């Protein structure tokens, strides 16, 4: 176990770790299986007691990656729509796209901000925003804010839980990631219930 902790600590202090964070956050903006939250939260948990990587650099890197990924998804949606690839045509994603399209017409700003915290939700919203030609200038402004809030939130969770496990970085990272996942599920459930109270003529408001 000590060897694993030493390896984690050594890896967290390497410059390439931030490059990994950036890449994960970018790809996660348009391909949800990439676990950017887990990477950011886990590294933040290590930083809580080891001071590597630098938490402020981690926030900045994660925010830049999230912003870039979200806007890449917007451009993909604008260029190819929401049915080009097989994973887009699945029932769950298509329900998400239909819901995102309706909600963008009614409450675009709040939707874009909140969706960043829900993996499938953010992909659906970002792609749909592009496909429906939502104002790119407004989208850029909103994703600057949402990416910054998401990065600070993710690092904050890692720092909070990681501080209790100074001698076991692996356990601290695992618990911080688990808590982040639980909080994400709670946010998803709350949003789903709020949507359930709103009129939905098509009867297809759920994506979770």
C-alpha atoms as a PDB file:
ATOM      1  CA  UNK A   1       0.000   0.000   0.000  1.00  0.00           C
ATOM      2  CA  UNK A   2       2.825   2.390   0.804  1.00  0.00           C
ATOM      3  CA  UNK A   3       4.335   1.724  -2.615  1.00  0.00           C
ATOM      4  CA  UNK A   4       1.026   2.678  -4.257  1.00  0.00           C
ATOM      5  CA  UNK A   5       0.801   5.871  -2.207  1.00  0.00           C
ATOM      6  CA  UNK A   6       4.380   6.769  -3.138  1.00  0.00           C
ATOM      7  CA  UNK A   7       3.615   6.186  -6.813  1.00  0.00           C
ATOM      8  CA  UNK A   8       0.482   8.370  -6.679  1.00  0.00           C
ATOM      9  CA  UNK A   9       2.389  11.135  -4.942  1.00  0.00           C
ATOM     10  CA  UNK A  10       5.238  10.976  -7.455  1.00  0.00           C
ATOM     11  CA  UNK A  11       2.863  10.977 -10.428  1.00  0.00           C
ATOM     12  CA  UNK A  12       0.823  13.892  -9.060  1.00  0.00           C
ATOM     13  CA  UNK A  13       3.949  16.061  -9.032  1.00  0.00           C
ATOM     14  CA  UNK A  14       4.785  15.488 -12.701  1.00  0.00           C
ATOM     15  CA  UNK A  15       4.036  18.215 -15.312  1.00  0.00           C
ATOM     16  CA  UNK A  16       2.300  15.725 -17.604  1.00  0.00           C
ATOM     17  CA  UNK A  17      -0.474  15.265 -15.039  1.00  0.00           C
ATOM     18  CA  UNK A  18      -1.945  18.653 -15.917  1.00  0.00           C
ATOM     19  CA  UNK A  19      -1.751  17.747 -19.609  1.00  0.00           C
ATOM     20  CA  UNK A  20      -3.726  14.594 -18.783  1.00  0.00           C
ATOM     21  CA  UNK A  21      -6.312  16.682 -16.916  1.00  0.00           C
ATOM     22  CA  UNK A  22      -6.626  19.069 -19.852  1.00  0.00           C
ATOM     23  CA  UNK A  23      -7.070  16.223 -22.339  1.00  0.00           C
ATOM     24  CA  UNK A  24      -9.668  14.421 -20.213  1.00  0.00           C
ATOM     25  CA  UNK A  25     -11.703  17.589 -19.671  1.00  0.00           C
ATOM     26  CA  UNK A  26     -11.659  18.456 -23.369  1.00  0.00           C
ATOM     27  CA  UNK A  27     -12.726  14.994 -24.542  1.00  0.00           C
ATOM     28  CA  UNK A  28     -15.366  14.727 -21.804  1.00  0.00           C
ATOM     29  CA  UNK A  29     -17.105  17.770 -23.266  1.00  0.00           C
ATOM     30  CA  UNK A  30     -18.333  15.724 -26.225  1.00  0.00           C
ATOM     31  CA  UNK A  31     -17.684  12.086 -25.207  1.00  0.00           C
ATOM     32  CA  UNK A  32     -19.171  11.299 -21.746  1.00  0.00           C
ATOM     33  CA  UNK A  33     -17.360   7.971 -21.026  1.00  0.00           C
ATOM     34  CA  UNK A  34     -14.150   9.914 -20.290  1.00  0.00           C
ATOM     35  CA  UNK A  35     -14.201  10.455 -16.474  1.00  0.00           C
ATOM     36  CA  UNK A  36     -12.872  13.994 -16.175  1.00  0.00           C
ATOM     37  CA  UNK A  37     -14.525  14.544 -12.774  1.00  0.00           C
ATOM     38  CA  UNK A  38     -12.765  11.504 -11.339  1.00  0.00           C
ATOM     39  CA  UNK A  39      -9.378  12.693 -12.575  1.00  0.00           C
ATOM     40  CA  UNK A  40      -9.807  16.238 -11.263  1.00  0.00           C
ATOM     41  CA  UNK A  41     -11.315  15.241  -7.910  1.00  0.00           C
ATOM     42  CA  UNK A  42      -8.769  12.486  -7.344  1.00  0.00           C
ATOM     43  CA  UNK A  43      -5.805  14.765  -8.003  1.00  0.00           C
ATOM     44  CA  UNK A  44      -7.306  17.472  -5.803  1.00  0.00           C
ATOM     45  CA  UNK A  45      -7.603  14.934  -2.988  1.00  0.00           C
ATOM     46  CA  UNK A  46      -3.880  14.249  -3.299  1.00  0.00           C
ATOM     47  CA  UNK A  47      -3.117  17.975  -3.430  1.00  0.00           C
ATOM     48  CA  UNK A  48      -4.968  18.496  -0.142  1.00  0.00           C
ATOM     49  CA  UNK A  49      -2.077  17.015   1.808  1.00  0.00           C
ATOM     50  CA  UNK A  50       0.788  16.718  -0.674  1.00  0.00           C
ATOM     51  CA  UNK A  51       0.517  20.190  -2.290  1.00  0.00           C
ATOM     52  CA  UNK A  52       0.935  18.632  -5.750  1.00  0.00           C
ATOM     53  CA  UNK A  53      -0.430  19.387  -8.185  1.00  0.00           C
ATOM     54  CA  UNK A  54      -0.979  23.034  -7.326  1.00  0.00           C
ATOM     55  CA  UNK A  55      -4.752  23.402  -6.664  1.00  0.00           C
ATOM     56  CA  UNK A  56      -4.970  26.745  -8.469  1.00  0.00           C
ATOM     57  CA  UNK A  57      -3.244  25.349 -11.549  1.00  0.00           C
ATOM     58  CA  UNK A  58      -5.557  22.342 -11.360  1.00  0.00           C
ATOM     59  CA  UNK A  59      -8.633  24.592 -11.319  1.00  0.00           C
ATOM     60  CA  UNK A  60      -7.322  26.673 -14.227  1.00  0.00           C
ATOM     61  CA  UNK A  61      -6.424  23.600 -16.270  1.00  0.00           C
ATOM     62  CA  UNK A  62      -9.734  21.860 -15.612  1.00  0.00           C
ATOM     63  CA  UNK A  63     -11.688  25.026 -16.426  1.00  0.00           C
ATOM     64  CA  UNK A  64      -9.784  25.536 -19.686  1.00  0.00           C
ATOM     65  CA  UNK A  65     -10.338  21.913 -20.668  1.00  0.00           C
ATOM     66  CA  UNK A  66     -14.035  22.004 -19.803  1.00  0.00           C
ATOM     67  CA  UNK A  67     -14.537  25.241 -21.720  1.00  0.00           C
ATOM     68  CA  UNK A  68     -12.716  23.872 -24.760  1.00  0.00           C
ATOM     69  CA  UNK A  69     -14.610  20.582 -24.639  1.00  0.00           C
ATOM     70  CA  UNK A  70     -18.004  22.236 -24.330  1.00  0.00           C
ATOM     71  CA  UNK A  71     -17.327  24.528 -27.262  1.00  0.00           C
ATOM     72  CA  UNK A  72     -15.957  21.660 -29.318  1.00  0.00           C
ATOM     73  CA  UNK A  73     -19.252  19.857 -28.717  1.00  0.00           C
ATOM     74  CA  UNK A  74     -21.123  22.989 -29.794  1.00  0.00           C
ATOM     75  CA  UNK A  75     -19.171  23.100 -33.058  1.00  0.00           C
ATOM     76  CA  UNK A  76     -19.713  19.381 -33.646  1.00  0.00           C
ATOM     77  CA  UNK A  77     -23.441  19.839 -33.139  1.00  0.00           C
ATOM     78  CA  UNK A  78     -23.472  22.780 -35.493  1.00  0.00           C
ATOM     79  CA  UNK A  79     -21.541  20.870 -38.125  1.00  0.00           C
ATOM     80  CA  UNK A  80     -23.048  17.378 -38.024  1.00  0.00           C
ATOM     81  CA  UNK A  81     -26.250  17.609 -35.952  1.00  0.00           C
ATOM     82  CA  UNK A  82     -27.342  15.076 -33.332  1.00  0.00           C
ATOM     83  CA  UNK A  83     -27.789  11.867 -35.347  1.00  0.00           C
ATOM     84  CA  UNK A  84     -24.522  11.412 -37.223  1.00  0.00           C
ATOM     85  CA  UNK A  85     -22.927   8.720 -35.040  1.00  0.00           C
ATOM     86  CA  UNK A  86     -24.367   5.541 -33.619  1.00  0.00           C
ATOM     87  CA  UNK A  87     -24.006   6.563 -29.962  1.00  0.00           C
ATOM     88  CA  UNK A  88     -26.066   9.663 -30.702  1.00  0.00           C
ATOM     89  CA  UNK A  89     -28.980   7.630 -32.073  1.00  0.00           C
ATOM     90  CA  UNK A  90     -29.615   5.588 -28.943  1.00  0.00           C
ATOM     91  CA  UNK A  91     -32.980   6.120 -27.192  1.00  0.00           C
ATOM     92  CA  UNK A  92     -31.437   7.719 -24.117  1.00  0.00           C
ATOM     93  CA  UNK A  93     -29.369  10.235 -26.076  1.00  0.00           C
ATOM     94  CA  UNK A  94     -32.245  11.072 -28.405  1.00  0.00           C
ATOM     95  CA  UNK A  95     -34.509  11.770 -25.413  1.00  0.00           C
ATOM     96  CA  UNK A  96     -31.750  13.977 -24.035  1.00  0.00           C
ATOM     97  CA  UNK A  97     -31.429  15.873 -27.304  1.00  0.00           C
ATOM     98  CA  UNK A  98     -35.180  16.436 -27.586  1.00  0.00           C
ATOM     99  CA  UNK A  99     -35.400  17.645 -23.996  1.00  0.00           C
ATOM    100  CA  UNK A 100     -32.349  19.901 -24.439  1.00  0.00           C
ATOM    101  CA  UNK A 101     -33.876  21.450 -27.551  1.00  0.00           C
ATOM    102  CA  UNK A 102     -37.085  22.339 -25.733  1.00  0.00           C
ATOM    103  CA  UNK A 103     -35.324  23.676 -22.656  1.00  0.00           C
ATOM    104  CA  UNK A 104     -32.855  25.769 -24.667  1.00  0.00           C
ATOM    105  CA  UNK A 105     -35.803  27.668 -26.101  1.00  0.00           C
ATOM    106  CA  UNK A 106     -37.186  28.392 -22.623  1.00  0.00           C
ATOM    107  CA  UNK A 107     -34.253  28.772 -20.192  1.00  0.00           C
ATOM    108  CA  UNK A 108     -30.991  28.543 -22.097  1.00  0.00           C
ATOM    109  CA  UNK A 109     -28.705  30.300 -19.604  1.00  0.00           C
ATOM    110  CA  UNK A 110     -29.635  28.234 -16.540  1.00  0.00           C
ATOM    111  CA  UNK A 111     -29.675  25.037 -18.593  1.00  0.00           C
ATOM    112  CA  UNK A 112     -26.136  25.507 -19.931  1.00  0.00           C
ATOM    113  CA  UNK A 113     -24.827  26.373 -16.466  1.00  0.00           C
ATOM    114  CA  UNK A 114     -26.446  23.412 -14.695  1.00  0.00           C
ATOM    115  CA  UNK A 115     -25.845  20.849 -17.452  1.00  0.00           C
ATOM    116  CA  UNK A 116     -22.052  21.169 -17.027  1.00  0.00           C
ATOM    117  CA  UNK A 117     -22.417  19.236 -13.760  1.00  0.00           C
ATOM    118  CA  UNK A 118     -24.223  16.274 -15.395  1.00  0.00           C
ATOM    119  CA  UNK A 119     -22.047  14.206 -17.793  1.00  0.00           C
ATOM    120  CA  UNK A 120     -24.703  13.093 -20.310  1.00  0.00           C
ATOM    121  CA  UNK A 121     -26.675  16.288 -19.762  1.00  0.00           C
ATOM    122  CA  UNK A 122     -23.817  18.569 -20.748  1.00  0.00           C
ATOM    123  CA  UNK A 123     -23.038  16.608 -23.909  1.00  0.00           C
ATOM    124  CA  UNK A 124     -26.685  16.687 -24.971  1.00  0.00           C
ATOM    125  CA  UNK A 125     -27.049  20.398 -24.244  1.00  0.00           C
ATOM    126  CA  UNK A 126     -23.780  21.392 -25.920  1.00  0.00           C
ATOM    127  CA  UNK A 127     -24.442  19.390 -29.089  1.00  0.00           C
ATOM    128  CA  UNK A 128     -28.059  20.565 -29.259  1.00  0.00           C
ATOM    129  CA  UNK A 129     -27.039  24.201 -28.772  1.00  0.00           C
ATOM    130  CA  UNK A 130     -24.824  23.900 -31.822  1.00  0.00           C
ATOM    131  CA  UNK A 131     -27.363  21.949 -33.876  1.00  0.00           C
ATOM    132  CA  UNK A 132     -30.085  24.529 -33.178  1.00  0.00           C
ATOM    133  CA  UNK A 133     -27.706  27.433 -33.890  1.00  0.00           C
ATOM    134  CA  UNK A 134     -27.981  28.923 -30.434  1.00  0.00           C
ATOM    135  CA  UNK A 135     -25.934  32.143 -30.342  1.00  0.00           C
ATOM    136  CA  UNK A 136     -22.285  31.105 -30.192  1.00  0.00           C
ATOM    137  CA  UNK A 137     -21.262  34.369 -28.520  1.00  0.00           C
ATOM    138  CA  UNK A 138     -23.723  33.756 -25.684  1.00  0.00           C
ATOM    139  CA  UNK A 139     -22.698  30.117 -25.464  1.00  0.00           C
ATOM    140  CA  UNK A 140     -19.041  31.097 -25.093  1.00  0.00           C
ATOM    141  CA  UNK A 141     -19.863  33.519 -22.289  1.00  0.00           C
ATOM    142  CA  UNK A 142     -21.986  30.993 -20.421  1.00  0.00           C
ATOM    143  CA  UNK A 143     -19.428  28.203 -20.774  1.00  0.00           C
ATOM    144  CA  UNK A 144     -16.663  30.428 -19.414  1.00  0.00           C
ATOM    145  CA  UNK A 145     -18.747  30.723 -16.241  1.00  0.00           C
ATOM    146  CA  UNK A 146     -19.959  27.121 -16.110  1.00  0.00           C
ATOM    147  CA  UNK A 147     -16.486  25.665 -16.722  1.00  0.00           C
ATOM    148  CA  UNK A 148     -14.981  27.837 -13.991  1.00  0.00           C
ATOM    149  CA  UNK A 149     -17.680  26.896 -11.474  1.00  0.00           C
ATOM    150  CA  UNK A 150     -17.395  23.199 -12.327  1.00  0.00           C
ATOM    151  CA  UNK A 151     -13.604  23.211 -11.987  1.00  0.00           C
ATOM    152  CA  UNK A 152     -13.714  25.018  -8.634  1.00  0.00           C
ATOM    153  CA  UNK A 153     -16.460  22.674  -7.394  1.00  0.00           C
ATOM    154  CA  UNK A 154     -14.560  19.527  -8.433  1.00  0.00           C
ATOM    155  CA  UNK A 155     -11.263  20.647  -6.912  1.00  0.00           C
ATOM    156  CA  UNK A 156     -13.073  21.830  -3.780  1.00  0.00           C
ATOM    157  CA  UNK A 157     -14.597  18.391  -3.212  1.00  0.00           C
ATOM    158  CA  UNK A 158     -11.203  16.748  -3.614  1.00  0.00           C
ATOM    159  CA  UNK A 159      -9.494  19.175  -1.241  1.00  0.00           C
ATOM    160  CA  UNK A 160     -12.196  18.806   1.384  1.00  0.00           C
ATOM    161  CA  UNK A 161     -12.180  15.012   1.542  1.00  0.00           C
ATOM    162  CA  UNK A 162      -8.499  14.547   0.762  1.00  0.00           C
ATOM    163  CA  UNK A 163      -7.348  16.474   3.834  1.00  0.00           C
ATOM    164  CA  UNK A 164      -8.519  13.641   6.104  1.00  0.00           C
ATOM    165  CA  UNK A 165      -6.251  11.049   4.488  1.00  0.00           C
ATOM    166  CA  UNK A 166      -2.763  12.459   4.655  1.00  0.00           C
ATOM    167  CA  UNK A 167      -1.168   9.020   4.958  1.00  0.00           C
ATOM    168  CA  UNK A 168      -3.320   7.246   2.406  1.00  0.00           C
ATOM    169  CA  UNK A 169      -3.649   9.182  -0.843  1.00  0.00           C
ATOM    170  CA  UNK A 170      -5.309   6.272  -2.640  1.00  0.00           C
ATOM    171  CA  UNK A 171      -8.113   6.014  -0.083  1.00  0.00           C
ATOM    172  CA  UNK A 172      -8.548   9.794   0.032  1.00  0.00           C
ATOM    173  CA  UNK A 173      -8.863  10.008  -3.738  1.00  0.00           C
ATOM    174  CA  UNK A 174     -11.284   7.057  -3.856  1.00  0.00           C
ATOM    175  CA  UNK A 175     -13.575   8.540  -1.191  1.00  0.00           C
ATOM    176  CA  UNK A 176     -13.490  11.996  -2.799  1.00  0.00           C
ATOM    177  CA  UNK A 177     -14.381  10.516  -6.200  1.00  0.00           C
ATOM    178  CA  UNK A 178     -17.209   8.465  -4.680  1.00  0.00           C
ATOM    179  CA  UNK A 179     -18.628  11.560  -2.970  1.00  0.00           C
ATOM    180  CA  UNK A 180     -18.400  13.548  -6.215  1.00  0.00           C
ATOM    181  CA  UNK A 181     -20.297  10.793  -8.044  1.00  0.00           C
ATOM    182  CA  UNK A 182     -22.998  10.710  -5.359  1.00  0.00           C
ATOM    183  CA  UNK A 183     -23.383  14.495  -5.493  1.00  0.00           C
ATOM    184  CA  UNK A 184     -23.620  14.312  -9.280  1.00  0.00           C
ATOM    185  CA  UNK A 185     -26.375  11.715  -9.020  1.00  0.00           C
ATOM    186  CA  UNK A 186     -28.228  13.904  -6.505  1.00  0.00           C
ATOM    187  CA  UNK A 187     -28.013  16.900  -8.856  1.00  0.00           C
ATOM    188  CA  UNK A 188     -29.276  14.719 -11.725  1.00  0.00           C
ATOM    189  CA  UNK A 189     -32.231  13.464  -9.642  1.00  0.00           C
ATOM    190  CA  UNK A 190     -33.147  16.979  -8.503  1.00  0.00           C
ATOM    191  CA  UNK A 191     -33.054  18.304 -12.068  1.00  0.00           C
ATOM    192  CA  UNK A 192     -35.099  15.323 -13.284  1.00  0.00           C
ATOM    193  CA  UNK A 193     -37.774  15.979 -10.661  1.00  0.00           C
ATOM    194  CA  UNK A 194     -37.897  19.669 -11.501  1.00  0.00           C
ATOM    195  CA  UNK A 195     -38.312  18.763 -15.165  1.00  0.00           C
ATOM    196  CA  UNK A 196     -41.040  16.328 -14.214  1.00  0.00           C
ATOM    197  CA  UNK A 197     -43.117  19.199 -12.811  1.00  0.00           C
ATOM    198  CA  UNK A 198     -42.824  21.207 -16.022  1.00  0.00           C
ATOM    199  CA  UNK A 199     -45.250  20.823 -18.940  1.00  0.00           C
ATOM    200  CA  UNK A 200     -43.882  18.355 -21.489  1.00  0.00           C
ATOM    201  CA  UNK A 201     -46.275  18.010 -24.456  1.00  0.00           C
ATOM    202  CA  UNK A 202     -44.159  15.324 -26.113  1.00  0.00           C
ATOM    203  CA  UNK A 203     -43.993  13.256 -22.941  1.00  0.00           C
ATOM    204  CA  UNK A 204     -40.267  12.660 -23.395  1.00  0.00           C
ATOM    205  CA  UNK A 205     -38.604  14.975 -20.895  1.00  0.00           C
ATOM    206  CA  UNK A 206     -36.367  12.464 -19.164  1.00  0.00           C
ATOM    207  CA  UNK A 207     -32.825  11.668 -20.100  1.00  0.00           C
ATOM    208  CA  UNK A 208     -31.548  10.085 -16.910  1.00  0.00           C
END
